[in-house]
C-alpha atoms as a PDB file:
ATOM      1  CA  MET A   1      14.729   6.000 -11.889  1.00  0.00           C
ATOM      2  CA  ALA A   2      11.961   8.758 -12.081  1.00  0.00           C
ATOM      3  CA  PRO A   3      11.077  10.599  -8.923  1.00  0.00           C
ATOM      4  CA  PHE A   4       8.611   9.262  -6.441  1.00  0.00           C
ATOM      5  CA  GLY A   5       7.308  10.073  -3.214  1.00  0.00           C
ATOM      6  CA  ARG A   6       6.320  13.472  -1.128  1.00  0.00           C
ATOM      7  CA  ILE A   7       6.527  14.171   2.380  1.00  0.00           C
ATOM      8  CA  GLY A   8       2.916  14.805   4.159  1.00  0.00           C
ATOM      9  CA  ARG A   9       3.469  -4.686   5.997  1.00  0.00           C
ATOM     10  CA  GLY A  10       3.861  -7.566   3.398  1.00  0.00           C
ATOM     11  CA  GLY A  11       8.012  -9.751   1.369  1.00  0.00           C
ATOM     12  CA  THR A  12       6.599 -10.833  -1.859  1.00  0.00           C
ATOM     13  CA  GLY A  13       2.724 -12.152  -1.704  1.00  0.00           C
ATOM     14  CA  GLU A  14       0.613 -14.473  -3.654  1.00  0.00           C
ATOM     15  CA  SER A  15      -2.696 -14.545  -4.091  1.00  0.00           C
ATOM     16  CA  GLN A  16      -4.250 -16.712  -1.569  1.00  0.00           C
ATOM     17  CA  GLY A  17      -7.076 -17.719  -3.908  1.00  0.00           C
ATOM     18  CA  MET A  18     -10.130 -17.417  -2.305  1.00  0.00           C
ATOM     19  CA  ALA A  19     -12.494 -19.269  -4.152  1.00  0.00           C
ATOM     20  CA  ARG A  20     -15.847 -18.254  -5.682  1.00  0.00           C
ATOM     21  CA  ASP A  21     -18.512 -20.786  -4.642  1.00  0.00           C
ATOM     22  CA  GLU A  22     -21.731 -18.758  -6.508  1.00  0.00           C
ATOM     23  CA  ALA A  23     -22.256 -15.190  -8.488  1.00  0.00           C
ATOM     24  CA  ALA A  24     -22.179 -12.059  -6.434  1.00  0.00           C
ATOM     25  CA  THR A  25     -24.050  -8.928  -6.662  1.00  0.00           C
ATOM     26  CA  CYS A  26     -22.588  -5.012  -6.383  1.00  0.00           C
ATOM     27  CA  SER A  27     -24.925  -2.103  -7.469  1.00  0.00           C
ATOM     28  CA  ALA A  28     -23.087   1.486  -7.348  1.00  0.00           C
ATOM     29  CA  MET A  29     -23.576   4.651  -6.780  1.00  0.00           C
ATOM     30  CA  SER A  30     -21.335   7.380  -7.869  1.00  0.00           C
ATOM     31  CA  VAL A  31     -20.769  10.638  -7.084  1.00  0.00           C
ATOM     32  CA  SER A  32     -18.310  11.230  -9.267  1.00  0.00           C
ATOM     33  CA  LYS A  33     -18.484  12.539 -12.849  1.00  0.00           C
ATOM     34  CA  THR A  34     -17.932   9.435 -14.608  1.00  0.00           C
ATOM     35  CA  SER A  35     -20.364   6.683 -15.200  1.00  0.00           C
ATOM     36  CA  LEU A  36     -20.203   3.512 -14.478  1.00  0.00           C
ATOM     37  CA  ASP A  37     -23.097   1.896 -16.338  1.00  0.00           C
ATOM     38  CA  ASP A  38     -20.645  -0.416 -17.975  1.00  0.00           C
ATOM     39  CA  ALA A  39     -18.361  -1.688 -14.853  1.00  0.00           C
ATOM     40  CA  SER A  40     -18.976  -5.593 -14.388  1.00  0.00           C
ATOM     41  CA  LEU A  41     -18.357  -8.073 -12.130  1.00  0.00           C
ATOM     42  CA  GLU A  42     -16.429 -10.961 -12.876  1.00  0.00           C
ATOM     43  CA  ASP A  43     -18.704 -13.464 -11.252  1.00  0.00           C
ATOM     44  CA  GLY A  44     -21.848 -10.643 -11.201  1.00  0.00           C
ATOM     45  CA  THR A  45     -23.048  -7.142 -12.209  1.00  0.00           C
ATOM     46  CA  ALA A  46     -22.805  -3.758 -11.266  1.00  0.00           C
ATOM     47  CA  GLU A  47     -25.406  -1.204 -11.448  1.00  0.00           C
ATOM     48  CA  GLY A  48     -24.177   2.336 -12.213  1.00  0.00           C
ATOM     49  CA  ARG A  49     -26.221   5.314 -11.483  1.00  0.00           C
ATOM     50  CA  SER A  50     -26.344   8.794 -10.654  1.00  0.00           C
ATOM     51  CA  ASN A  51     -26.955   9.373  -7.046  1.00  0.00           C
ATOM     52  CA  THR A  52     -28.505  13.540  -7.053  1.00  0.00           C
ATOM     53  CA  GLY A  53     -29.782  12.866  -3.668  1.00  0.00           C
ATOM     54  CA  MET A  54     -26.510  11.502  -1.817  1.00  0.00           C
ATOM     55  CA  SER A  55     -25.626  13.580   1.429  1.00  0.00           C
ATOM     56  CA  ASN A  56     -22.728  15.716   1.221  1.00  0.00           C
ATOM     57  CA  ASP A  57     -19.537  15.550   3.119  1.00  0.00           C
ATOM     58  CA  GLN A  58     -20.745  17.480   6.274  1.00  0.00           C
ATOM     59  CA  ASP A  59     -23.617  15.044   6.539  1.00  0.00           C
ATOM     60  CA  ARG A  60     -21.741  12.306   6.147  1.00  0.00           C
ATOM     61  CA  ILE A  61     -19.145  13.673   8.849  1.00  0.00           C
ATOM     62  CA  SER A  62     -21.633  13.870  11.154  1.00  0.00           C
ATOM     63  CA  GLN A  63     -23.648  10.751  10.729  1.00  0.00           C
ATOM     64  CA  ASP A  64     -19.732   9.238  11.468  1.00  0.00           C
ATOM     65  CA  LEU A  65     -19.416  11.084  14.877  1.00  0.00           C
ATOM     66  CA  ALA A  66     -22.481   9.766  15.389  1.00  0.00           C
ATOM     67  CA  ARG A  67     -20.922   6.068  15.589  1.00  0.00           C
ATOM     68  CA  VAL A  68     -19.887   5.045  18.973  1.00  0.00           C
ATOM     69  CA  PRO A  69     -16.577   3.117  18.572  1.00  0.00           C
ATOM     70  CA  LEU A  70     -16.822  -0.512  20.197  1.00  0.00           C
ATOM     71  CA  GLY A  71     -12.989  -1.677  19.945  1.00  0.00           C
ATOM     72  CA  TRP A  72     -10.753  -3.472  17.398  1.00  0.00           C
ATOM     73  CA  THR A  73     -11.357  -6.608  15.664  1.00  0.00           C
ATOM     74  CA  SER A  74      -7.544  -7.166  15.018  1.00  0.00           C
ATOM     75  CA  ARG A  75      -4.520  -6.206  16.275  1.00  0.00           C
ATOM     76  CA  ASP A  76      -2.634  -6.356  12.514  1.00  0.00           C
ATOM     77  CA  TRP A  77      -5.373  -4.819  10.148  1.00  0.00           C
ATOM     78  CA  LEU A  78      -7.376  -1.806  10.193  1.00  0.00           C
ATOM     79  CA  SER A  79     -10.478  -3.323  11.226  1.00  0.00           C
ATOM     80  CA  TYR A  80     -13.074  -2.395  13.875  1.00  0.00           C
ATOM     81  CA  TRP A  81     -16.767  -2.342  14.927  1.00  0.00           C
ATOM     82  CA  THR A  82     -19.115   0.998  15.516  1.00  0.00           C
ATOM     83  CA  ARG A  83     -22.774   1.472  16.778  1.00  0.00           C
ATOM     84  CA  ASP A  84     -25.016   3.745  16.132  1.00  0.00           C
ATOM     85  CA  ASP A  85     -27.316   4.303  18.518  1.00  0.00           C
ATOM     86  CA  ALA A  86     -29.872   6.532  16.596  1.00  0.00           C
ATOM     87  CA  GLU A  87     -30.099   3.337  14.283  1.00  0.00           C
ATOM     88  CA  HIS A  88     -29.668   0.891  16.934  1.00  0.00           C
ATOM     89  CA  GLU A  89     -27.053  -1.094  14.777  1.00  0.00           C
ATOM     90  CA  LYS A  90     -23.563  -2.169  14.531  1.00  0.00           C
ATOM     91  CA  SER A  91     -20.876  -1.756  11.783  1.00  0.00           C
ATOM     92  CA  HIS A  92     -18.054  -3.530  10.548  1.00  0.00           C
ATOM     93  CA  HIS A  93     -14.966  -1.131   9.414  1.00  0.00           C
ATOM     94  CA  LEU A  94     -12.511  -2.512   7.137  1.00  0.00           C
ATOM     95  CA  HIS A  95      -9.647  -0.187   5.031  1.00  0.00           C
ATOM     96  CA  PHE A  96      -7.734  -0.882   2.036  1.00  0.00           C
ATOM     97  CA  TRP A  97      -5.447   0.972   0.286  1.00  0.00           C
ATOM     98  CA  ALA A  98      -6.291   0.770  -3.496  1.00  0.00           C
ATOM     99  CA  PRO A  99      -4.387   1.187  -6.504  1.00  0.00           C
ATOM    100  CA  VAL A 100      -5.210   0.738  -9.958  1.00  0.00           C
ATOM    101  CA  GLU A 101      -2.321   2.226 -12.489  1.00  0.00           C
ATOM    102  CA  PRO A 102       0.032   1.582 -13.405  1.00  0.00           C
ATOM    103  CA  LEU A 103      -0.930  -2.259 -11.967  1.00  0.00           C
ATOM    104  CA  ASP A 104      -3.694  -4.023 -14.240  1.00  0.00           C
ATOM    105  CA  ASN A 105      -7.007  -5.557 -13.068  1.00  0.00           C
ATOM    106  CA  SER A 106      -7.255  -4.748  -9.705  1.00  0.00           C
ATOM    107  CA  THR A 107      -9.815  -6.126  -7.911  1.00  0.00           C
ATOM    108  CA  LEU A 108     -11.591  -6.415  -4.874  1.00  0.00           C
ATOM    109  CA  ILE A 109     -12.224  -9.569  -2.947  1.00  0.00           C
ATOM    110  CA  VAL A 110     -14.756  -9.753   0.085  1.00  0.00           C
ATOM    111  CA  SER A 111     -15.970 -12.990   1.867  1.00  0.00           C
ATOM    112  CA  PRO A 112     -17.821 -12.402   5.506  1.00  0.00           C
ATOM    113  CA  LEU A 113     -15.956 -14.018   8.566  1.00  0.00           C
ATOM    114  CA  LYS A 114     -18.442 -16.598   9.187  1.00  0.00           C
ATOM    115  CA  ARG A 115     -19.540 -18.517   5.593  1.00  0.00           C
ATOM    116  CA  SER A 116     -23.377 -18.838   7.257  1.00  0.00           C
ATOM    117  CA  GLU A 117     -23.568 -15.048   6.571  1.00  0.00           C
ATOM    118  CA  GLY A 118     -24.284 -12.858   3.794  1.00  0.00           C
ATOM    119  CA  ILE A 119     -22.567  -9.678   3.185  1.00  0.00           C
ATOM    120  CA  THR A 120     -24.490  -6.294   2.994  1.00  0.00           C
ATOM    121  CA  GLY A 121     -22.464  -2.869   3.194  1.00  0.00           C
ATOM    122  CA  LEU A 122     -21.223   0.174   1.720  1.00  0.00           C
ATOM    123  CA  LEU A 123     -17.976   0.838  -0.543  1.00  0.00           C
ATOM    124  CA  ARG A 124     -16.590   4.391  -0.049  1.00  0.00           C
ATOM    125  CA  PHE A 125     -13.446   5.788  -2.100  1.00  0.00           C
ATOM    126  CA  TYR A 126     -11.622   8.614  -0.897  1.00  0.00           C
ATOM    127  CA  ASN A 127      -8.979  10.947  -2.971  1.00  0.00           C
ATOM    128  CA  SER A 128      -5.782  11.133  -1.594  1.00  0.00           C
ATOM    129  CA  ASN A 129      -6.946  14.775  -0.047  1.00  0.00           C
ATOM    130  CA  GLY A 130      -9.532  12.561   1.846  1.00  0.00           C
ATOM    131  CA  THR A 131     -12.436  14.333  -0.007  1.00  0.00           C
ATOM    132  CA  LEU A 132     -15.159  11.516  -0.873  1.00  0.00           C
ATOM    133  CA  VAL A 133     -15.099  10.559  -4.773  1.00  0.00           C
ATOM    134  CA  SER A 134     -17.463   7.506  -5.049  1.00  0.00           C
ATOM    135  CA  GLU A 135     -19.774   5.097  -3.031  1.00  0.00           C
ATOM    136  CA  SER A 136     -20.850   1.399  -3.900  1.00  0.00           C
ATOM    137  CA  SER A 137     -23.560  -0.713  -1.814  1.00  0.00           C
ATOM    138  CA  ILE A 138     -22.283  -4.242  -2.140  1.00  0.00           C
ATOM    139  CA  ALA A 139     -24.336  -7.408  -1.204  1.00  0.00           C
ATOM    140  CA  ALA A 140     -23.840 -11.280  -1.706  1.00  0.00           C
ATOM    141  CA  ARG A 141     -25.511 -14.002  -0.260  1.00  0.00           C
ATOM    142  CA  HIS A 142     -24.159 -16.212   2.506  1.00  0.00           C
ATOM    143  CA  GLY A 143     -21.723 -18.407   1.434  1.00  0.00           C
ATOM    144  CA  GLN A 144     -20.724 -16.332  -1.694  1.00  0.00           C
ATOM    145  CA  LEU A 145     -17.576 -13.522  -2.160  1.00  0.00           C
ATOM    146  CA  ALA A 146     -18.111 -10.227  -3.837  1.00  0.00           C
ATOM    147  CA  GLN A 147     -15.620  -9.289  -6.335  1.00  0.00           C
ATOM    148  CA  LEU A 148     -15.766  -5.838  -8.116  1.00  0.00           C
ATOM    149  CA  PRO A 149     -12.805  -4.734 -10.314  1.00  0.00           C
ATOM    150  CA  LEU A 150     -12.351  -1.132  -9.032  1.00  0.00           C
ATOM    151  CA  SER A 151     -10.911   0.958 -12.005  1.00  0.00           C
ATOM    152  CA  ALA A 152     -13.765   2.631 -13.013  1.00  0.00           C
ATOM    153  CA  PHE A 153     -14.624   3.072  -9.222  1.00  0.00           C
ATOM    154  CA  LEU A 154     -11.189   5.739  -9.264  1.00  0.00           C
ATOM    155  CA  ASP A 155     -11.638   7.654 -11.891  1.00  0.00           C
ATOM    156  CA  GLY A 156     -12.310  10.807 -10.300  1.00  0.00           C
ATOM    157  CA  CYS A 157      -9.254  10.177  -7.712  1.00  0.00           C
ATOM    158  CA  GLU A 158      -6.003  11.910  -8.681  1.00  0.00           C
ATOM    159  CA  THR A 159      -2.723  10.305  -9.795  1.00  0.00           C
ATOM    160  CA  ASP A 160       0.015  10.752  -7.345  1.00  0.00           C
ATOM    161  CA  GLN A 161       3.920  10.512  -8.764  1.00  0.00           C
ATOM    162  CA  GLY A 162       2.813   7.595 -10.873  1.00  0.00           C
ATOM    163  CA  PHE A 163      -0.105   5.741  -8.869  1.00  0.00           C
ATOM    164  CA  ARG A 164      -4.000   6.733  -9.047  1.00  0.00           C
ATOM    165  CA  HIS A 165      -4.972   5.092  -5.632  1.00  0.00           C
ATOM    166  CA  SER A 166      -7.598   5.843  -3.266  1.00  0.00           C
ATOM    167  CA  HIS A 167      -8.108   4.951   0.735  1.00  0.00           C
ATOM    168  CA  LEU A 168     -11.084   2.758   0.137  1.00  0.00           C
ATOM    169  CA  GLU A 169     -13.562   1.908   3.386  1.00  0.00           C
ATOM    170  CA  LEU A 170     -15.525  -1.163   3.413  1.00  0.00           C
ATOM    171  CA  ILE A 171     -18.448  -0.976   6.019  1.00  0.00           C
ATOM    172  CA  THR A 172     -20.559  -3.787   6.488  1.00  0.00           C
ATOM    173  CA  SER A 173     -22.856  -5.548   9.063  1.00  0.00           C
ATOM    174  CA  CYS A 174     -21.256  -8.288   9.992  1.00  0.00           C
ATOM    175  CA  GLU A 175     -17.517  -8.886  10.047  1.00  0.00           C
ATOM    176  CA  CYS A 176     -15.711  -9.497   6.600  1.00  0.00           C
ATOM    177  CA  GLN A 177     -12.121 -10.414   5.450  1.00  0.00           C
ATOM    178  CA  GLY A 178     -11.279  -9.057   1.763  1.00  0.00           C
ATOM    179  CA  GLU A 179      -8.122  -8.509  -0.538  1.00  0.00           C
ATOM    180  CA  ILE A 180      -7.125  -6.324  -3.243  1.00  0.00           C
ATOM    181  CA  GLN A 181      -5.831  -8.736  -6.495  1.00  0.00           C
ATOM    182  CA  PHE A 182      -3.543  -6.741  -9.271  1.00  0.00           C
ATOM    183  CA  SER A 183      -1.569  -7.938 -11.832  1.00  0.00           C
ATOM    184  CA  SER A 184       1.751  -6.328 -13.894  1.00  0.00           C
ATOM    185  CA  ARG A 185       2.994  -7.467 -16.908  1.00  0.00           C
ATOM    186  CA  LEU A 186       5.439 -10.402 -15.146  1.00  0.00           C
ATOM    187  CA  ARG A 187       3.265 -11.543 -12.209  1.00  0.00           C
ATOM    188  CA  SER A 188      -0.007 -10.880 -10.017  1.00  0.00           C
ATOM    189  CA  SER A 189       0.126 -10.356  -6.110  1.00  0.00           C
ATOM    190  CA  PHE A 190      -2.429  -9.239  -3.895  1.00  0.00           C
ATOM    191  CA  LEU A 191      -2.964  -6.655  -0.857  1.00  0.00           C
ATOM    192  CA  THR A 192      -4.330  -7.024   2.326  1.00  0.00           C
ATOM    193  CA  ALA A 193      -6.097  -4.978   4.288  1.00  0.00           C
ATOM    194  CA  ALA A 194      -4.195  -1.601   5.770  1.00  0.00           C
ATOM    195  CA  HIS A 195      -1.510  -2.454   8.181  1.00  0.00           C
ATOM    196  CA  ARG A 196      -2.829  -1.061  11.637  1.00  0.00           C
ATOM    197  CA  LEU A 197      -0.043   1.090  12.972  1.00  0.00           C
ATOM    198  CA  SER A 198      -1.235   2.372  16.550  1.00  0.00           C
ATOM    199  CA  GLU A 199       0.346   4.740  18.990  1.00  0.00           C
ATOM    200  CA  ARG A 200       1.577   1.580  21.563  1.00  0.00           C
ATOM    201  CA  GLU A 201       2.696  -0.232  18.687  1.00  0.00           C
ATOM    202  CA  SER A 202       5.308   1.180  16.038  1.00  0.00           C
ATOM    203  CA  ARG A 203       6.588  -0.468  13.109  1.00  0.00           C
ATOM    204  CA  ALA A 204       9.657  -1.513  11.638  1.00  0.00           C
ATOM    205  CA  VAL A 205       9.960  -3.445   7.845  1.00  0.00           C
ATOM    206  CA  PRO A 206      13.456  -4.544   6.491  1.00  0.00           C
ATOM    207  CA  LEU A 207      13.977  -2.934   3.044  1.00  0.00           C
ATOM    208  CA  THR A 208      16.693  -3.464   0.466  1.00  0.00           C
ATOM    209  CA  LEU A 209      17.580  -0.323  -1.413  1.00  0.00           C
ATOM    210  CA  SER A 210      19.227  -1.081  -4.648  1.00  0.00           C
ATOM    211  CA  THR A 211      19.341   1.399  -8.135  1.00  0.00           C
ATOM    212  CA  ASN A 212      16.657  -1.478  -9.682  1.00  0.00           C
ATOM    213  CA  SER A 213      13.936  -1.075  -7.094  1.00  0.00           C
ATOM    214  CA  ARG A 214      11.768   1.523  -5.507  1.00  0.00           C
ATOM    215  CA  HIS A 215       9.488   1.227  -2.343  1.00  0.00           C
ATOM    216  CA  VAL A 216       6.136   2.858  -2.100  1.00  0.00           C
ATOM    217  CA  VAL A 217       4.698   3.529   1.040  1.00  0.00           C
ATOM    218  CA  ALA A 218       1.030   4.252   1.410  1.00  0.00           C
ATOM    219  CA  LEU A 219       0.086   5.984   4.532  1.00  0.00           C
ATOM    220  CA  ILE A 220      -4.192   5.320   5.124  1.00  0.00           C
ATOM    221  CA  ASN A 221      -5.707   7.840   7.906  1.00  0.00           C
ATOM    222  CA  PRO A 222      -9.320   6.613   8.434  1.00  0.00           C
ATOM    223  CA  HIS A 223     -10.324   9.446  10.970  1.00  0.00           C
ATOM    224  CA  ASP A 224     -12.044  12.799  10.461  1.00  0.00           C
ATOM    225  CA  VAL A 225      -8.836  14.638  11.533  1.00  0.00           C
ATOM    226  CA  GLN A 226      -5.086  14.962  10.761  1.00  0.00           C
ATOM    227  CA  CYS A 227      -2.865  12.698  12.129  1.00  0.00           C
ATOM    228  CA  VAL A 228       1.134  12.311  11.924  1.00  0.00           C
ATOM    229  CA  VAL A 229       3.131   9.518  11.209  1.00  0.00           C
ATOM    230  CA  LYS A 230       6.899   9.686  12.015  1.00  0.00           C
ATOM    231  CA  CYS A 231       8.898   7.888   9.498  1.00  0.00           C
ATOM    232  CA  ARG A 232      12.814   6.554  10.382  1.00  0.00           C
ATOM    233  CA  LEU A 233      15.120   5.033   7.915  1.00  0.00           C
ATOM    234  CA  PHE A 234      17.942   2.801   9.632  1.00  0.00           C
ATOM    235  CA  VAL A 235      20.996   2.517   7.224  1.00  0.00           C
ATOM    236  CA  GLY A 236      24.780   1.829   7.973  1.00  0.00           C
ATOM    237  CA  THR A 237      25.444   4.524  10.581  1.00  0.00           C
ATOM    238  CA  ARG A 238      22.634   6.880   9.598  1.00  0.00           C
ATOM    239  CA  SER A 239      18.945   7.548  10.607  1.00  0.00           C
ATOM    240  CA  PRO A 240      16.972  10.400   9.207  1.00  0.00           C
ATOM    241  CA  GLU A 241      13.246  10.650  10.202  1.00  0.00           C
ATOM    242  CA  GLU A 242      10.974  12.953   8.494  1.00  0.00           C
ATOM    243  CA  VAL A 243       7.257  14.083   9.487  1.00  0.00           C
ATOM    244  CA  CYS A 244       4.238  13.380   7.353  1.00  0.00           C
ATOM    245  CA  LEU A 245       0.709  14.598   7.708  1.00  0.00           C
ATOM    246  CA  LEU A 246      -2.617  12.825   7.062  1.00  0.00           C
ATOM    247  CA  PRO A 247      -5.265  14.701   5.929  1.00  0.00           C
ATOM    248  CA  PRO A 248      -8.637  13.202   7.400  1.00  0.00           C
ATOM    249  CA  HIS A 249      -9.421   9.849   5.291  1.00  0.00           C
ATOM    250  CA  GLY A 250      -6.784  10.812   3.118  1.00  0.00           C
ATOM    251  CA  THR A 251      -3.574   9.056   2.326  1.00  0.00           C
ATOM    252  CA  VAL A 252       0.072   9.716   1.873  1.00  0.00           C
ATOM    253  CA  LEU A 253       2.449   8.114  -0.498  1.00  0.00           C
ATOM    254  CA  ILE A 254       6.243   8.482   0.045  1.00  0.00           C
ATOM    255  CA  SER A 255       9.213   6.421  -1.234  1.00  0.00           C
ATOM    256  CA  PRO A 256      12.067   6.292   1.010  1.00  0.00           C
ATOM    257  CA  GLU A 257      14.404   6.442  -2.222  1.00  0.00           C
ATOM    258  CA  VAL A 258      13.345   9.701  -2.665  1.00  0.00           C
ATOM    259  CA  LEU A 259      12.486  11.223   0.837  1.00  0.00           C
ATOM    260  CA  TYR A 260      16.056   9.890   1.828  1.00  0.00           C
ATOM    261  CA  ALA A 261      17.978  10.377  -1.608  1.00  0.00           C
ATOM    262  CA  SER A 262      20.915  12.050  -0.227  1.00  0.00           C
ATOM    263  CA  VAL A 263      21.637   9.848   2.735  1.00  0.00           C
ATOM    264  CA  ILE A 264      21.443   7.195   0.862  1.00  0.00           C
ATOM    265  CA  ASN A 265      23.639   8.718  -2.043  1.00  0.00           C
ATOM    266  CA  ASP A 266      26.022   9.868   0.929  1.00  0.00           C
ATOM    267  CA  LEU A 267      26.573   5.929   1.911  1.00  0.00           C
ATOM    268  CA  ASN A 268      27.013   4.677  -1.940  1.00  0.00           C
ATOM    269  CA  LYS A 269      29.816   6.911  -2.243  1.00  0.00           C
ATOM    270  CA  LYS A 270      31.499   5.798   0.693  1.00  0.00           C
ATOM    271  CA  LYS A 271      30.840   2.337   0.411  1.00  0.00           C
ATOM    272  CA  ASN A 272      32.391   2.969  -3.079  1.00  0.00           C
ATOM    273  CA  THR A 273      35.060   4.434  -1.915  1.00  0.00           C
ATOM    274  CA  GLU A 274      35.951   2.144   0.523  1.00  0.00           C
ATOM    275  CA  ARG A 275      35.733  -0.489  -2.577  1.00  0.00           C
ATOM    276  CA  SER A 276      37.883   0.891  -4.239  1.00  0.00           C
ATOM    277  CA  VAL A 277      40.479   1.572  -1.528  1.00  0.00           C
ATOM    278  CA  GLY A 278      39.790  -2.165  -0.434  1.00  0.00           C
ATOM    279  CA  GLY A 279      40.873  -3.300  -4.081  1.00  0.00           C
ATOM    280  CA  GLN A 280      43.953  -1.622  -4.237  1.00  0.00           C
ATOM    281  CA  GLY A 281      45.386  -3.061  -1.211  1.00  0.00           C
ATOM    282  CA  ALA A 282      44.505  -6.188  -2.561  1.00  0.00           C
ATOM    283  CA  GLN A 283      46.111  -5.740  -5.260  1.00  0.00           C
ATOM    284  CA  LYS A 284      49.358  -4.810  -3.782  1.00  0.00           C
ATOM    285  CA  ARG A 285      49.891  -7.754  -1.168  1.00  0.00           C
ATOM    286  CA  SER A 286      48.728 -10.502  -4.198  1.00  0.00           C
ATOM    287  CA  GLY A 287      51.884  -8.958  -6.056  1.00  0.00           C
ATOM    288  CA  SER A 288      53.931  -8.905  -3.770  1.00  0.00           C
ATOM    289  CA  ARG A 289      53.277 -12.210  -2.661  1.00  0.00           C
ATOM    290  CA  ASP A 290      53.119 -14.194  -5.610  1.00  0.00           C
ATOM    291  CA  ALA A 291      52.874 -12.825  -9.291  1.00  0.00           C
ATOM    292  CA  SER A 292      52.145 -15.899 -11.012  1.00  0.00           C
ATOM    293  CA  LYS A 293      48.832 -15.410  -9.271  1.00  0.00           C
ATOM    294  CA  ARG A 294      47.730 -12.128 -11.350  1.00  0.00           C
ATOM    295  CA  ALA A 295      44.956 -12.461 -13.613  1.00  0.00           C
ATOM    296  CA  PRO A 296      45.793 -13.683 -17.201  1.00  0.00           C
ATOM    297  CA  HIS A 297      46.678 -11.391 -19.999  1.00  0.00           C
ATOM    298  CA  GLY A 298      47.431  -8.682 -17.450  1.00  0.00           C
ATOM    299  CA  ARG A 299      44.226  -7.962 -16.142  1.00  0.00           C
ATOM    300  CA  HIS A 300      44.198  -7.332 -12.157  1.00  0.00           C
ATOM    301  CA  PHE A 301      42.192  -8.283  -9.707  1.00  0.00           C
ATOM    302  CA  SER A 302      39.982  -5.156  -8.238  1.00  0.00           C
ATOM    303  CA  GLY A 303      37.853  -6.409  -5.556  1.00  0.00           C
ATOM    304  CA  PRO A 304      34.032  -7.513  -5.520  1.00  0.00           C
ATOM    305  CA  MET A 305      32.558  -7.529  -8.997  1.00  0.00           C
ATOM    306  CA  GLN A 306      31.254  -4.330  -9.640  1.00  0.00           C
ATOM    307  CA  GLY A 307      27.356  -4.121  -9.234  1.00  0.00           C
ATOM    308  CA  SER A 308      27.305  -7.266  -6.934  1.00  0.00           C
ATOM    309  CA  ASN A 309      27.287  -5.661  -3.714  1.00  0.00           C
ATOM    310  CA  ASP A 310      25.630  -2.301  -4.383  1.00  0.00           C
ATOM    311  CA  ALA A 311      22.502  -2.642  -2.034  1.00  0.00           C
ATOM    312  CA  LEU A 312      22.228  -0.981   1.244  1.00  0.00           C
ATOM    313  CA  GLN A 313      20.175  -2.994   4.037  1.00  0.00           C
ATOM    314  CA  ALA A 314      17.834  -0.782   5.772  1.00  0.00           C
ATOM    315  CA  TYR A 315      14.771  -0.735   8.247  1.00  0.00           C
ATOM    316  CA  LEU A 316      12.008   1.653   8.405  1.00  0.00           C
ATOM    317  CA  LYS A 317      10.367   2.642  11.347  1.00  0.00           C
ATOM    318  CA  LEU A 318       6.932   3.825  10.822  1.00  0.00           C
ATOM    319  CA  THR A 319       5.601   5.751  14.635  1.00  0.00           C
ATOM    320  CA  THR A 320       2.472   7.645  15.397  1.00  0.00           C
ATOM    321  CA  ARG A 321       1.834   9.590  18.024  1.00  0.00           C
ATOM    322  CA  SER A 322      -1.511  10.669  17.245  1.00  0.00           C
ATOM    323  CA  GLY A 323      -3.429   8.825  19.948  1.00  0.00           C
ATOM    324  CA  LYS A 324      -5.496   6.658  17.356  1.00  0.00           C
ATOM    325  CA  SER A 325      -4.780   3.808  14.922  1.00  0.00           C
ATOM    326  CA  LEU A 326      -3.603   4.171  11.245  1.00  0.00           C
ATOM    327  CA  GLY A 327      -2.920   2.115   8.286  1.00  0.00           C
ATOM    328  CA  TYR A 328      -0.079   1.329   6.015  1.00  0.00           C
ATOM    329  CA  GLN A 329       0.837  -0.734   3.037  1.00  0.00           C
ATOM    330  CA  ILE A 330       4.378  -1.252   1.749  1.00  0.00           C
ATOM    331  CA  LEU A 331       4.791  -2.197  -2.329  1.00  0.00           C
ATOM    332  CA  GLU A 332       8.183  -2.828  -3.815  1.00  0.00           C
ATOM    333  CA  GLU A 333       8.558  -1.875  -6.900  1.00  0.00           C
ATOM    334  CA  ARG A 334      11.547  -3.353  -9.318  1.00  0.00           C
ATOM    335  CA  SER A 335      12.645  -3.019 -12.627  1.00  0.00           C
ATOM    336  CA  PHE A 336      13.399  -5.778 -15.534  1.00  0.00           C
ATOM    337  CA  GLY A 337      15.345  -3.482 -18.605  1.00  0.00           C
ATOM    338  CA  GLN A 338      13.870  -0.770 -20.105  1.00  0.00           C
ATOM    339  CA  ASP A 339       9.925  -1.637 -19.794  1.00  0.00           C
ATOM    340  CA  GLY A 340       9.742  -4.505 -17.421  1.00  0.00           C
ATOM    341  CA  ARG A 341       8.594  -4.149 -13.832  1.00  0.00           C
ATOM    342  CA  THR A 342       7.309  -6.549 -11.573  1.00  0.00           C
ATOM    343  CA  TYR A 343       5.352  -5.132  -8.360  1.00  0.00           C
ATOM    344  CA  GLY A 344       5.159  -7.322  -4.996  1.00  0.00           C
ATOM    345  CA  VAL A 345       3.899  -6.946  -1.222  1.00  0.00           C
ATOM    346  CA  LEU A 346       5.841  -6.060   1.454  1.00  0.00           C
ATOM    347  CA  SER A 347       4.578  -7.075   4.893  1.00  0.00           C
END
């Protein structure tokens, strides 16, 4: 298994299949060096151009600090309202973890919570270190869905241990919901908005640790200050903990299989030793009772079939004491043969 992760919710999901009523349009402005002229929408169009007049990061931070938080719109998702007193307007914010490679056809689909409302807003794509990579305006008439393939917008994002990804912020004038649909070689699935992790509520997610799978945990910081997340794995009698530092607007990827590799290896060795000793004891007891019950051709029973019970059941607990709500997503990668891989979402 290739190494994955660094220190710094959900079962496999099938697409809810939001219906498309009419074409939606998006106009895109890139601040990266990559042209977006060829970007297109499945049901509409995207127009790309260089945006030389866009304000720099410091101006953007000043604008964000002028916004007054109004409250969270969901206990489960990283979703909230802000108010700009200078402009006398409210904005709804929704945050996503947006991976593109090695996934295929990653597409953002957005719909208003009320079908009578249209969508007007802005998309911001942040690199893993929190720098702003690109922006895109987004619009759709009432009753429509906005759809946007993401790959072109993440050209300026770094590849982090095999995943090219971004922290995606959606800012709209009305409350919206959305998902990122993606496919791999063997299946399709989707990611909801980032799950909310707050100081008052920690999150515990069950994991199955095995040799043919790994988990990717994305930790997302929507704020202008550095935040901290504690990741504790409960497996067997062990409970190791690591601390992850999240840069402002940044994303940190970790893999429990890598972060706690030494603990997992120790438990697997102990498990195999106990299995071997138990199998030898079963041989002696079986042989002393009835020699006729031995396996044919001189083969002796040696306990469970090798590999049938190699998985470890564990829980990953995420907590923060930063005083601010953060976001997370968990992706499971399973390997089949030499080249076959499939990805599912844990919630």
